[in-house]
Amino acid sequence: MKANIINIGNSQGIIIPSMLLRKLNLSFKSSVQLEVENGSIVIKPASRQGWAEAALEMHAAGDDKPLLEDTMTDFDKEEWTW
C-alpha cells in the first residue's frame, strides 16, 4: 500500500488507512512503537506498560486466583479414561 508523507505542523506524518488500523486493533491516540529495520519504518502496537507490576500487586493481595473454580465433576475424575 502506498502513502505520501504530509506536513503536520512542524513535523511530517502519513495517513494510515482505517483498514490497517483495524487489523492491528488500533484507533485514534493508540500508543505505537516505531522502529527502523532493514531500511524500513516499522509501526507496532506498543506493549502494555505496567502489566508486570500490576500482576505482582494482584498476587501480593491474593487477587490472582482463577475466576472459575475447578469445573471437573466426579465423572471427569473417576469414570473418564484420560
C-alpha atoms as a PDB file:
ATOM      1  CA  MET A   1       0.000   0.000   0.000  1.00  0.00           C
ATOM      2  CA  LYS A   2       1.368   3.406  -0.937  1.00  0.00           C
ATOM      3  CA  ALA A   3       1.111   6.533   1.243  1.00  0.00           C
ATOM      4  CA  ASN A   4       2.514  10.048   0.958  1.00  0.00           C
ATOM      5  CA  ILE A   5       4.390  11.948   3.646  1.00  0.00           C
ATOM      6  CA  ILE A   6       2.479  15.098   4.608  1.00  0.00           C
ATOM      7  CA  ASN A   7       3.194  18.132   6.796  1.00  0.00           C
ATOM      8  CA  ILE A   8       1.598  18.089  10.232  1.00  0.00           C
ATOM      9  CA  GLY A   9       2.546  21.360  11.929  1.00  0.00           C
ATOM     10  CA  ASN A  10       6.347  21.414  12.190  1.00  0.00           C
ATOM     11  CA  SER A  11       6.532  17.631  11.727  1.00  0.00           C
ATOM     12  CA  GLN A  12       5.740  15.174   8.984  1.00  0.00           C
ATOM     13  CA  GLY A  13       3.488  12.142   9.008  1.00  0.00           C
ATOM     14  CA  ILE A  14       1.416   9.742   6.970  1.00  0.00           C
ATOM     15  CA  ILE A  15      -2.276   8.935   6.940  1.00  0.00           C
ATOM     16  CA  ILE A  16      -2.780   5.306   7.956  1.00  0.00           C
ATOM     17  CA  PRO A  17      -5.868   3.780   6.340  1.00  0.00           C
ATOM     18  CA  SER A  18      -8.503   2.642   8.844  1.00  0.00           C
ATOM     19  CA  MET A  19      -8.400  -0.872   7.370  1.00  0.00           C
ATOM     20  CA  LEU A  20      -4.793  -1.261   8.557  1.00  0.00           C
ATOM     21  CA  LEU A  21      -5.594   0.184  11.974  1.00  0.00           C
ATOM     22  CA  ARG A  22      -8.475  -2.273  12.424  1.00  0.00           C
ATOM     23  CA  LYS A  23      -6.221  -5.206  11.531  1.00  0.00           C
ATOM     24  CA  LEU A  24      -3.940  -4.237  14.435  1.00  0.00           C
ATOM     25  CA  ASN A  25      -6.795  -3.232  16.758  1.00  0.00           C
ATOM     26  CA  LEU A  26      -5.522   0.365  16.844  1.00  0.00           C
ATOM     27  CA  SER A  27      -7.518   3.571  16.934  1.00  0.00           C
ATOM     28  CA  PHE A  28      -7.099   7.317  17.444  1.00  0.00           C
ATOM     29  CA  LYS A  29      -4.470   8.012  20.142  1.00  0.00           C
ATOM     30  CA  SER A  30      -3.347   4.355  20.375  1.00  0.00           C
ATOM     31  CA  SER A  31       0.267   4.033  21.514  1.00  0.00           C
ATOM     32  CA  VAL A  32       2.621   2.520  18.966  1.00  0.00           C
ATOM     33  CA  GLN A  33       6.295   1.608  18.821  1.00  0.00           C
ATOM     34  CA  LEU A  34       8.309   2.962  15.873  1.00  0.00           C
ATOM     35  CA  GLU A  35      11.424   1.101  14.747  1.00  0.00           C
ATOM     36  CA  VAL A  36      13.782   1.229  11.790  1.00  0.00           C
ATOM     37  CA  GLU A  37      14.540  -2.248  10.445  1.00  0.00           C
ATOM     38  CA  ASN A  38      16.422  -3.008   7.242  1.00  0.00           C
ATOM     39  CA  GLY A  39      15.766   0.425   5.765  1.00  0.00           C
ATOM     40  CA  SER A  40      12.049   0.384   6.657  1.00  0.00           C
ATOM     41  CA  ILE A  41       9.952   2.119   9.282  1.00  0.00           C
ATOM     42  CA  VAL A  42       8.051  -0.483  11.282  1.00  0.00           C
ATOM     43  CA  ILE A  43       4.991   0.535  13.313  1.00  0.00           C
ATOM     44  CA  LYS A  44       3.908  -1.924  16.020  1.00  0.00           C
ATOM     45  CA  PRO A  45       1.283  -1.706  18.746  1.00  0.00           C
ATOM     46  CA  ALA A  46       3.035  -0.610  21.948  1.00  0.00           C
ATOM     47  CA  SER A  47       3.261  -3.295  24.581  1.00  0.00           C
ATOM     48  CA  ARG A  48       1.197  -2.697  27.672  1.00  0.00           C
ATOM     49  CA  GLN A  49       3.238  -0.824  30.228  1.00  0.00           C
ATOM     50  CA  GLY A  50       2.980  -1.664  33.904  1.00  0.00           C
ATOM     51  CA  TRP A  51       1.268  -5.049  33.480  1.00  0.00           C
ATOM     52  CA  ALA A  52       4.051  -6.963  35.252  1.00  0.00           C
ATOM     53  CA  GLU A  53       3.903  -4.675  38.280  1.00  0.00           C
ATOM     54  CA  ALA A  54       0.105  -4.923  38.353  1.00  0.00           C
ATOM     55  CA  ALA A  55       0.321  -8.732  38.281  1.00  0.00           C
ATOM     56  CA  LEU A  56       2.740  -8.698  41.230  1.00  0.00           C
ATOM     57  CA  GLU A  57       0.395  -6.405  43.182  1.00  0.00           C
ATOM     58  CA  MET A  58      -2.548  -8.710  42.467  1.00  0.00           C
ATOM     59  CA  HIS A  59      -0.531 -11.700  43.672  1.00  0.00           C
ATOM     60  CA  ALA A  60       0.521  -9.899  46.869  1.00  0.00           C
ATOM     61  CA  ALA A  61      -3.133  -9.024  47.545  1.00  0.00           C
ATOM     62  CA  GLY A  62      -4.252 -12.617  46.874  1.00  0.00           C
ATOM     63  CA  ASP A  63      -6.311 -11.443  43.914  1.00  0.00           C
ATOM     64  CA  ASP A  64      -4.759 -13.729  41.300  1.00  0.00           C
ATOM     65  CA  LYS A  65      -6.949 -16.772  41.809  1.00  0.00           C
ATOM     66  CA  PRO A  66      -8.755 -18.458  38.888  1.00  0.00           C
ATOM     67  CA  LEU A  67     -12.101 -16.872  38.039  1.00  0.00           C
ATOM     68  CA  LEU A  68     -13.746 -20.297  37.841  1.00  0.00           C
ATOM     69  CA  GLU A  69     -13.404 -22.957  40.470  1.00  0.00           C
ATOM     70  CA  ASP A  70     -12.467 -26.475  39.435  1.00  0.00           C
ATOM     71  CA  THR A  71     -15.152 -27.496  36.946  1.00  0.00           C
ATOM     72  CA  MET A  72     -14.314 -31.189  36.922  1.00  0.00           C
ATOM     73  CA  THR A  73     -17.146 -33.456  38.055  1.00  0.00           C
ATOM     74  CA  ASP A  74     -16.967 -36.895  39.654  1.00  0.00           C
ATOM     75  CA  PHE A  75     -17.406 -38.328  36.155  1.00  0.00           C
ATOM     76  CA  ASP A  76     -14.295 -36.469  34.983  1.00  0.00           C
ATOM     77  CA  LYS A  77     -12.260 -37.624  37.976  1.00  0.00           C
ATOM     78  CA  GLU A  78     -13.439 -41.221  38.372  1.00  0.00           C
ATOM     79  CA  GLU A  79     -15.136 -42.515  35.227  1.00  0.00           C
ATOM     80  CA  TRP A  80     -13.384 -40.795  32.350  1.00  0.00           C
ATOM     81  CA  THR A  81     -10.296 -42.505  30.967  1.00  0.00           C
ATOM     82  CA  TRP A  82      -7.600 -39.950  30.299  1.00  0.00           C
END
